[in-house]
Amino acid sequence: MPLTIITPEITAQIKQTIAAGEQVLEEIDELKESMSEYVKNLSEELDIKPAVVNKAIKLAHKQKKENAVQDAQEEVNDVEILLHAAGVI
């Protein structure tokens, strides 16, 4: 549908989506500010640069995501084995 034809229902959806997006972005900003304070406090307590703490956080997060992908791949492999055993594929 071209943008020149916007029904009242679509207008309502647009407004709702933009409002929800604004709220999410505000929450993200608040969370980032809180995280920055946590990192600042810990780095001051440990007498290290905040970048070191941030790097540790990012590496831990990355590892979690990689483990999740690996777990999903293992599940897919298990399903494939079961389907082969059942003669489905």
PDB file of N, CA and C in Angstrom:
ATOM      1  N   MET A   1       0.841  -1.169   0.000  1.00  0.00           N
ATOM      2  CA  MET A   1       0.000   0.000   0.000  1.00  0.00           C
ATOM      3  C   MET A   1       0.894   1.244   0.000  1.00  0.00           C
ATOM      4  N   PRO A   2       0.650   2.162  -0.907  1.00  0.00           N
ATOM      5  CA  PRO A   2       1.458   3.391  -0.937  1.00  0.00           C
ATOM      6  C   PRO A   2       1.169   4.269   0.281  1.00  0.00           C
ATOM      7  N   LEU A   3       2.139   5.055   0.645  1.00  0.00           N
ATOM      8  CA  LEU A   3       1.978   5.912   1.811  1.00  0.00           C
ATOM      9  C   LEU A   3       0.946   7.019   1.597  1.00  0.00           C
ATOM     10  N   THR A   4       0.540   7.233   0.363  1.00  0.00           N
ATOM     11  CA  THR A   4      -0.462   8.267   0.102  1.00  0.00           C
ATOM     12  C   THR A   4      -1.853   7.819   0.535  1.00  0.00           C
ATOM     13  N   ILE A   5      -2.038   6.519   0.724  1.00  0.00           N
ATOM     14  CA  ILE A   5      -3.331   5.988   1.153  1.00  0.00           C
ATOM     15  C   ILE A   5      -3.186   5.461   2.576  1.00  0.00           C
ATOM     16  N   ILE A   6      -3.436   6.333   3.531  1.00  0.00           N
ATOM     17  CA  ILE A   6      -3.313   5.940   4.931  1.00  0.00           C
ATOM     18  C   ILE A   6      -4.689   6.046   5.576  1.00  0.00           C
ATOM     19  N   THR A   7      -5.196   4.906   5.958  1.00  0.00           N
ATOM     20  CA  THR A   7      -6.523   4.839   6.573  1.00  0.00           C
ATOM     21  C   THR A   7      -6.438   5.278   8.040  1.00  0.00           C
ATOM     22  N   PRO A   8      -7.559   5.569   8.644  1.00  0.00           N
ATOM     23  CA  PRO A   8      -7.549   5.909  10.085  1.00  0.00           C
ATOM     24  C   PRO A   8      -6.973   4.780  10.946  1.00  0.00           C
ATOM     25  N   GLU A   9      -7.213   3.528  10.538  1.00  0.00           N
ATOM     26  CA  GLU A   9      -6.666   2.395  11.289  1.00  0.00           C
ATOM     27  C   GLU A   9      -5.135   2.374  11.210  1.00  0.00           C
ATOM     28  N   ILE A  10      -4.627   2.646  10.013  1.00  0.00           N
ATOM     29  CA  ILE A  10      -3.167   2.677   9.840  1.00  0.00           C
ATOM     30  C   ILE A  10      -2.585   3.850  10.613  1.00  0.00           C
ATOM     31  N   THR A  11      -3.267   4.978  10.588  1.00  0.00           N
ATOM     32  CA  THR A  11      -2.815   6.147  11.345  1.00  0.00           C
ATOM     33  C   THR A  11      -2.716   5.808  12.826  1.00  0.00           C
ATOM     34  N   ALA A  12      -3.701   5.112  13.360  1.00  0.00           N
ATOM     35  CA  ALA A  12      -3.681   4.706  14.766  1.00  0.00           C
ATOM     36  C   ALA A  12      -2.507   3.768  15.042  1.00  0.00           C
ATOM     37  N   GLN A  13      -2.254   2.840  14.120  1.00  0.00           N
ATOM     38  CA  GLN A  13      -1.124   1.909  14.279  1.00  0.00           C
ATOM     39  C   GLN A  13       0.190   2.671  14.261  1.00  0.00           C
ATOM     40  N   ILE A  14       0.304   3.641  13.365  1.00  0.00           N
ATOM     41  CA  ILE A  14       1.536   4.439  13.275  1.00  0.00           C
ATOM     42  C   ILE A  14       1.770   5.169  14.588  1.00  0.00           C
ATOM     43  N   LYS A  15       0.741   5.819  15.100  1.00  0.00           N
ATOM     44  CA  LYS A  15       0.873   6.558  16.358  1.00  0.00           C
ATOM     45  C   LYS A  15       1.246   5.635  17.513  1.00  0.00           C
ATOM     46  N   GLN A  16       0.601   4.467  17.567  1.00  0.00           N
ATOM     47  CA  GLN A  16       0.876   3.511  18.637  1.00  0.00           C
ATOM     48  C   GLN A  16       2.308   3.001  18.544  1.00  0.00           C
ATOM     49  N   THR A  17       2.743   2.692  17.337  1.00  0.00           N
ATOM     50  CA  THR A  17       4.102   2.166  17.150  1.00  0.00           C
ATOM     51  C   THR A  17       5.147   3.207  17.514  1.00  0.00           C
ATOM     52  N   ILE A  18       4.928   4.445  17.099  1.00  0.00           N
ATOM     53  CA  ILE A  18       5.885   5.504  17.424  1.00  0.00           C
ATOM     54  C   ILE A  18       5.926   5.750  18.931  1.00  0.00           C
ATOM     55  N   ALA A  19       4.766   5.780  19.572  1.00  0.00           N
ATOM     56  CA  ALA A  19       4.723   5.984  21.025  1.00  0.00           C
ATOM     57  C   ALA A  19       5.438   4.853  21.757  1.00  0.00           C
ATOM     58  N   ALA A  20       5.183   3.621  21.330  1.00  0.00           N
ATOM     59  CA  ALA A  20       5.845   2.471  21.958  1.00  0.00           C
ATOM     60  C   ALA A  20       7.354   2.536  21.725  1.00  0.00           C
ATOM     61  N   GLY A  21       7.754   2.909  20.528  1.00  0.00           N
ATOM     62  CA  GLY A  21       9.181   3.029  20.227  1.00  0.00           C
ATOM     63  C   GLY A  21       9.860   4.087  21.065  1.00  0.00           C
ATOM     64  N   GLU A  22       9.174   5.223  21.245  1.00  0.00           N
ATOM     65  CA  GLU A  22       9.724   6.283  22.096  1.00  0.00           C
ATOM     66  C   GLU A  22       9.899   5.796  23.528  1.00  0.00           C
ATOM     67  N   GLN A  23       8.911   5.064  24.028  1.00  0.00           N
ATOM     68  CA  GLN A  23       8.981   4.554  25.397  1.00  0.00           C
ATOM     69  C   GLN A  23      10.143   3.566  25.543  1.00  0.00           C
ATOM     70  N   VAL A  24      10.303   2.694  24.574  1.00  0.00           N
ATOM     71  CA  VAL A  24      11.395   1.722  24.625  1.00  0.00           C
ATOM     72  C   VAL A  24      12.744   2.444  24.615  1.00  0.00           C
ATOM     73  N   LEU A  25      12.876   3.453  23.748  1.00  0.00           N
ATOM     74  CA  LEU A  25      14.143   4.185  23.677  1.00  0.00           C
ATOM     75  C   LEU A  25      14.429   4.931  24.985  1.00  0.00           C
ATOM     76  N   GLU A  26      13.392   5.474  25.624  1.00  0.00           N
ATOM     77  CA  GLU A  26      13.578   6.126  26.923  1.00  0.00           C
ATOM     78  C   GLU A  26      14.050   5.122  27.967  1.00  0.00           C
ATOM     79  N   GLU A  27      13.450   3.928  27.962  1.00  0.00           N
ATOM     80  CA  GLU A  27      13.857   2.889  28.909  1.00  0.00           C
ATOM     81  C   GLU A  27      15.297   2.457  28.660  1.00  0.00           C
ATOM     82  N   ILE A  28      15.674   2.366  27.392  1.00  0.00           N
ATOM     83  CA  ILE A  28      17.054   1.999  27.054  1.00  0.00           C
ATOM     84  C   ILE A  28      18.015   3.051  27.587  1.00  0.00           C
ATOM     85  N   ASP A  29      17.666   4.334  27.385  1.00  0.00           N
ATOM     86  CA  ASP A  29      18.521   5.409  27.889  1.00  0.00           C
ATOM     87  C   ASP A  29      18.681   5.320  29.405  1.00  0.00           C
ATOM     88  N   GLU A  30      17.580   5.050  30.112  1.00  0.00           N
ATOM     89  CA  GLU A  30      17.644   4.925  31.568  1.00  0.00           C
ATOM     90  C   GLU A  30      18.512   3.742  31.991  1.00  0.00           C
ATOM     91  N   LEU A  31      18.363   2.631  31.290  1.00  0.00           N
ATOM     92  CA  LEU A  31      19.169   1.452  31.615  1.00  0.00           C
ATOM     93  C   LEU A  31      20.646   1.706  31.346  1.00  0.00           C
ATOM     94  N   LYS A  32      20.945   2.385  30.243  1.00  0.00           N
ATOM     95  CA  LYS A  32      22.346   2.708  29.936  1.00  0.00           C
ATOM     96  C   LYS A  32      22.945   3.608  31.009  1.00  0.00           C
ATOM     97  N   GLU A  33      22.153   4.574  31.478  1.00  0.00           N
ATOM     98  CA  GLU A  33      22.627   5.472  32.524  1.00  0.00           C
ATOM     99  C   GLU A  33      22.900   4.695  33.809  1.00  0.00           C
ATOM    100  N   SER A  34      21.999   3.795  34.176  1.00  0.00           N
ATOM    101  CA  SER A  34      22.206   2.971  35.366  1.00  0.00           C
ATOM    102  C   SER A  34      23.451   2.106  35.223  1.00  0.00           C
ATOM    103  N   MET A  35      23.607   1.506  34.065  1.00  0.00           N
ATOM    104  CA  MET A  35      24.773   0.650  33.825  1.00  0.00           C
ATOM    105  C   MET A  35      26.055   1.467  33.924  1.00  0.00           C
ATOM    106  N   SER A  36      26.015   2.664  33.389  1.00  0.00           N
ATOM    107  CA  SER A  36      27.186   3.538  33.454  1.00  0.00           C
ATOM    108  C   SER A  36      27.566   3.835  34.899  1.00  0.00           C
ATOM    109  N   GLU A  37      26.564   4.050  35.737  1.00  0.00           N
ATOM    110  CA  GLU A  37      26.826   4.302  37.161  1.00  0.00           C
ATOM    111  C   GLU A  37      27.427   3.070  37.842  1.00  0.00           C
ATOM    112  N   TYR A  38      26.868   1.885  37.534  1.00  0.00           N
ATOM    113  CA  TYR A  38      27.416   0.646  38.103  1.00  0.00           C
ATOM    114  C   TYR A  38      28.877   0.471  37.709  1.00  0.00           C
ATOM    115  N   VAL A  39      29.153   0.683  36.426  1.00  0.00           N
ATOM    116  CA  VAL A  39      30.515   0.515  35.920  1.00  0.00           C
ATOM    117  C   VAL A  39      31.447   1.535  36.570  1.00  0.00           C
ATOM    118  N   LYS A  40      30.990   2.772  36.662  1.00  0.00           N
ATOM    119  CA  LYS A  40      31.799   3.828  37.277  1.00  0.00           C
ATOM    120  C   LYS A  40      32.136   3.482  38.718  1.00  0.00           C
ATOM    121  N   ASN A  41      31.118   3.058  39.473  1.00  0.00           N
ATOM    122  CA  ASN A  41      31.342   2.725  40.889  1.00  0.00           C
ATOM    123  C   ASN A  41      32.311   1.561  41.054  1.00  0.00           C
ATOM    124  N   LEU A  42      32.127   0.515  40.252  1.00  0.00           N
ATOM    125  CA  LEU A  42      33.018  -0.642  40.358  1.00  0.00           C
ATOM    126  C   LEU A  42      34.433  -0.292  39.936  1.00  0.00           C
ATOM    127  N   SER A  43      34.569   0.460  38.851  1.00  0.00           N
ATOM    128  CA  SER A  43      35.913   0.793  38.383  1.00  0.00           C
ATOM    129  C   SER A  43      36.648   1.678  39.389  1.00  0.00           C
ATOM    130  N   GLU A  44      35.911   2.577  40.053  1.00  0.00           N
ATOM    131  CA  GLU A  44      36.544   3.401  41.087  1.00  0.00           C
ATOM    132  C   GLU A  44      36.957   2.542  42.282  1.00  0.00           C
ATOM    133  N   GLU A  45      36.092   1.610  42.663  1.00  0.00           N
ATOM    134  CA  GLU A  45      36.396   0.735  43.794  1.00  0.00           C
ATOM    135  C   GLU A  45      37.607  -0.141  43.519  1.00  0.00           C
ATOM    136  N   LEU A  46      37.724  -0.612  42.268  1.00  0.00           N
ATOM    137  CA  LEU A  46      38.843  -1.493  41.901  1.00  0.00           C
ATOM    138  C   LEU A  46      40.046  -0.733  41.369  1.00  0.00           C
ATOM    139  N   ASP A  47      39.897   0.573  41.222  1.00  0.00           N
ATOM    140  CA  ASP A  47      40.949   1.431  40.685  1.00  0.00           C
ATOM    141  C   ASP A  47      41.407   0.948  39.297  1.00  0.00           C
ATOM    142  N   ILE A  48      40.416   0.728  38.444  1.00  0.00           N
ATOM    143  CA  ILE A  48      40.693   0.369  37.046  1.00  0.00           C
ATOM    144  C   ILE A  48      39.852   1.273  36.150  1.00  0.00           C
ATOM    145  N   LYS A  49      40.178   1.267  34.876  1.00  0.00           N
ATOM    146  CA  LYS A  49      39.436   2.088  33.934  1.00  0.00           C
ATOM    147  C   LYS A  49      38.051   1.483  33.678  1.00  0.00           C
ATOM    148  N   PRO A  50      37.036   2.327  33.519  1.00  0.00           N
ATOM    149  CA  PRO A  50      35.702   1.826  33.191  1.00  0.00           C
ATOM    150  C   PRO A  50      35.689   0.980  31.912  1.00  0.00           C
ATOM    151  N   ALA A  51      36.575   1.280  30.987  1.00  0.00           N
ATOM    152  CA  ALA A  51      36.637   0.512  29.733  1.00  0.00           C
ATOM    153  C   ALA A  51      36.936  -0.960  29.991  1.00  0.00           C
ATOM    154  N   VAL A  52      37.692  -1.252  31.034  1.00  0.00           N
ATOM    155  CA  VAL A  52      38.021  -2.634  31.374  1.00  0.00           C
ATOM    156  C   VAL A  52      36.765  -3.366  31.847  1.00  0.00           C
ATOM    157  N   VAL A  53      35.983  -2.708  32.675  1.00  0.00           N
ATOM    158  CA  VAL A  53      34.737  -3.312  33.161  1.00  0.00           C
ATOM    159  C   VAL A  53      33.766  -3.500  32.004  1.00  0.00           C
ATOM    160  N   ASN A  54      33.651  -2.477  31.151  1.00  0.00           N
ATOM    161  CA  ASN A  54      32.757  -2.579  29.988  1.00  0.00           C
ATOM    162  C   ASN A  54      33.167  -3.710  29.058  1.00  0.00           C
ATOM    163  N   LYS A  55      34.461  -3.882  28.878  1.00  0.00           N
ATOM    164  CA  LYS A  55      34.958  -4.960  28.019  1.00  0.00           C
ATOM    165  C   LYS A  55      34.580  -6.319  28.610  1.00  0.00           C
ATOM    166  N   ALA A  56      34.718  -6.463  29.907  1.00  0.00           N
ATOM    167  CA  ALA A  56      34.357  -7.724  30.569  1.00  0.00           C
ATOM    168  C   ALA A  56      32.871  -8.009  30.389  1.00  0.00           C
ATOM    169  N   ILE A  57      32.040  -6.975  30.528  1.00  0.00           N
ATOM    170  CA  ILE A  57      30.599  -7.140  30.362  1.00  0.00           C
ATOM    171  C   ILE A  57      30.269  -7.573  28.939  1.00  0.00           C
ATOM    172  N   LYS A  58      30.872  -6.912  27.962  1.00  0.00           N
ATOM    173  CA  LYS A  58      30.603  -7.237  26.555  1.00  0.00           C
ATOM    174  C   LYS A  58      31.056  -8.645  26.207  1.00  0.00           C
ATOM    175  N   LEU A  59      32.204  -9.051  26.725  1.00  0.00           N
ATOM    176  CA  LEU A  59      32.691 -10.401  26.448  1.00  0.00           C
ATOM    177  C   LEU A  59      31.787 -11.452  27.090  1.00  0.00           C
ATOM    178  N   ALA A  60      31.319 -11.183  28.292  1.00  0.00           N
ATOM    179  CA  ALA A  60      30.418 -12.126  28.957  1.00  0.00           C
ATOM    180  C   ALA A  60      29.111 -12.244  28.176  1.00  0.00           C
ATOM    181  N   HIS A  61      28.598 -11.128  27.693  1.00  0.00           N
ATOM    182  CA  HIS A  61      27.355 -11.126  26.915  1.00  0.00           C
ATOM    183  C   HIS A  61      27.536 -11.878  25.599  1.00  0.00           C
ATOM    184  N   LYS A  62      28.646 -11.630  24.953  1.00  0.00           N
ATOM    185  CA  LYS A  62      28.931 -12.309  23.683  1.00  0.00           C
ATOM    186  C   LYS A  62      29.020 -13.818  23.885  1.00  0.00           C
ATOM    187  N   GLN A  63      29.654 -14.224  24.963  1.00  0.00           N
ATOM    188  CA  GLN A  63      29.800 -15.650  25.246  1.00  0.00           C
ATOM    189  C   GLN A  63      28.438 -16.292  25.469  1.00  0.00           C
ATOM    190  N   LYS A  64      27.552 -15.588  26.176  1.00  0.00           N
ATOM    191  CA  LYS A  64      26.201 -16.103  26.404  1.00  0.00           C
ATOM    192  C   LYS A  64      25.474 -16.317  25.084  1.00  0.00           C
ATOM    193  N   LYS A  65      25.569 -15.346  24.185  1.00  0.00           N
ATOM    194  CA  LYS A  65      24.887 -15.457  22.897  1.00  0.00           C
ATOM    195  C   LYS A  65      25.458 -16.602  22.076  1.00  0.00           C
ATOM    196  N   GLU A  66      26.779 -16.752  22.089  1.00  0.00           N
ATOM    197  CA  GLU A  66      27.399 -17.836  21.331  1.00  0.00           C
ATOM    198  C   GLU A  66      26.986 -19.190  21.883  1.00  0.00           C
ATOM    199  N   ASN A  67      26.878 -19.290  23.208  1.00  0.00           N
ATOM    200  CA  ASN A  67      26.431 -20.541  23.814  1.00  0.00           C
ATOM    201  C   ASN A  67      25.000 -20.847  23.410  1.00  0.00           C
ATOM    202  N   ALA A  68      24.156 -19.828  23.327  1.00  0.00           N
ATOM    203  CA  ALA A  68      22.764 -20.028  22.936  1.00  0.00           C
ATOM    204  C   ALA A  68      22.683 -20.545  21.505  1.00  0.00           C
ATOM    205  N   VAL A  69      23.491 -19.998  20.619  1.00  0.00           N
ATOM    206  CA  VAL A  69      23.510 -20.458  19.229  1.00  0.00           C
ATOM    207  C   VAL A  69      24.011 -21.886  19.156  1.00  0.00           C
ATOM    208  N   GLN A  70      25.052 -22.189  19.900  1.00  0.00           N
ATOM    209  CA  GLN A  70      25.600 -23.549  19.916  1.00  0.00           C
ATOM    210  C   GLN A  70      24.564 -24.540  20.448  1.00  0.00           C
ATOM    211  N   ASP A  71      23.852 -24.157  21.503  1.00  0.00           N
ATOM    212  CA  ASP A  71      22.818 -25.032  22.059  1.00  0.00           C
ATOM    213  C   ASP A  71      21.717 -25.295  21.031  1.00  0.00           C
ATOM    214  N   ALA A  72      21.320 -24.253  20.318  1.00  0.00           N
ATOM    215  CA  ALA A  72      20.272 -24.402  19.302  1.00  0.00           C
ATOM    216  C   ALA A  72      20.743 -25.314  18.179  1.00  0.00           C
ATOM    217  N   GLN A  73      22.005 -25.174  17.776  1.00  0.00           N
ATOM    218  CA  GLN A  73      22.544 -26.037  16.726  1.00  0.00           C
ATOM    219  C   GLN A  73      22.565 -27.492  17.169  1.00  0.00           C
ATOM    220  N   GLU A  74      22.900 -27.723  18.429  1.00  0.00           N
ATOM    221  CA  GLU A  74      22.909 -29.090  18.954  1.00  0.00           C
ATOM    222  C   GLU A  74      21.499 -29.674  18.954  1.00  0.00           C
ATOM    223  N   GLU A  75      20.502 -28.855  19.297  1.00  0.00           N
ATOM    224  CA  GLU A  75      19.119 -29.325  19.272  1.00  0.00           C
ATOM    225  C   GLU A  75      18.682 -29.684  17.863  1.00  0.00           C
ATOM    226  N   VAL A  76      19.057 -28.854  16.892  1.00  0.00           N
ATOM    227  CA  VAL A  76      18.710 -29.133  15.504  1.00  0.00           C
ATOM    228  C   VAL A  76      19.366 -30.432  15.061  1.00  0.00           C
ATOM    229  N   ASN A  77      20.608 -30.637  15.451  1.00  0.00           N
ATOM    230  CA  ASN A  77      21.295 -31.883  15.105  1.00  0.00           C
ATOM    231  C   ASN A  77      20.589 -33.092  15.712  1.00  0.00           C
ATOM    232  N   ASP A  78      20.148 -32.960  16.964  1.00  0.00           N
ATOM    233  CA  ASP A  78      19.428 -34.053  17.611  1.00  0.00           C
ATOM    234  C   ASP A  78      18.116 -34.355  16.895  1.00  0.00           C
ATOM    235  N   VAL A  79      17.394 -33.313  16.506  1.00  0.00           N
ATOM    236  CA  VAL A  79      16.141 -33.498  15.768  1.00  0.00           C
ATOM    237  C   VAL A  79      16.411 -34.196  14.440  1.00  0.00           C
ATOM    238  N   GLU A  80      17.457 -33.784  13.768  1.00  0.00           N
ATOM    239  CA  GLU A  80      17.810 -34.404  12.482  1.00  0.00           C
ATOM    240  C   GLU A  80      18.123 -35.887  12.657  1.00  0.00           C
ATOM    241  N   ILE A  81      18.837 -36.230  13.708  1.00  0.00           N
ATOM    242  CA  ILE A  81      19.160 -37.631  13.983  1.00  0.00           C
ATOM    243  C   ILE A  81      17.878 -38.425  14.204  1.00  0.00           C
ATOM    244  N   LEU A  82      16.955 -37.863  14.991  1.00  0.00           N
ATOM    245  CA  LEU A  82      15.681 -38.546  15.252  1.00  0.00           C
ATOM    246  C   LEU A  82      14.879 -38.729  13.964  1.00  0.00           C
ATOM    247  N   LEU A  83      14.849 -37.721  13.131  1.00  0.00           N
ATOM    248  CA  LEU A  83      14.103 -37.812  11.872  1.00  0.00           C
ATOM    249  C   LEU A  83      14.729 -38.846  10.926  1.00  0.00           C
ATOM    250  N   HIS A  84      16.044 -38.912  10.912  1.00  0.00           N
ATOM    251  CA  HIS A  84      16.722 -39.948  10.101  1.00  0.00           C
ATOM    252  C   HIS A  84      16.376 -41.327  10.644  1.00  0.00           C
ATOM    253  N   ALA A  85      16.411 -41.473  11.956  1.00  0.00           N
ATOM    254  CA  ALA A  85      16.122 -42.778  12.557  1.00  0.00           C
ATOM    255  C   ALA A  85      14.681 -43.197  12.274  1.00  0.00           C
ATOM    256  N   ALA A  86      13.791 -42.220  12.193  1.00  0.00           N
ATOM    257  CA  ALA A  86      12.386 -42.530  11.928  1.00  0.00           C
ATOM    258  C   ALA A  86      12.100 -42.708  10.449  1.00  0.00           C
ATOM    259  N   GLY A  87      13.115 -42.456   9.629  1.00  0.00           N
ATOM    260  CA  GLY A  87      12.959 -42.610   8.187  1.00  0.00           C
ATOM    261  C   GLY A  87      12.176 -41.478   7.532  1.00  0.00           C
ATOM    262  N   VAL A  88      12.047 -40.382   8.232  1.00  0.00           N
ATOM    263  CA  VAL A  88      11.305 -39.252   7.705  1.00  0.00           C
ATOM    264  C   VAL A  88      12.152 -38.460   6.701  1.00  0.00           C
ATOM    265  N   ILE A  89      13.438 -38.372   6.967  1.00  0.00           N
ATOM    266  CA  ILE A  89      14.336 -37.684   6.025  1.00  0.00           C
ATOM    267  C   ILE A  89      15.508 -38.576   5.675  1.00  0.00           C
TER     268      ILE A  89
END
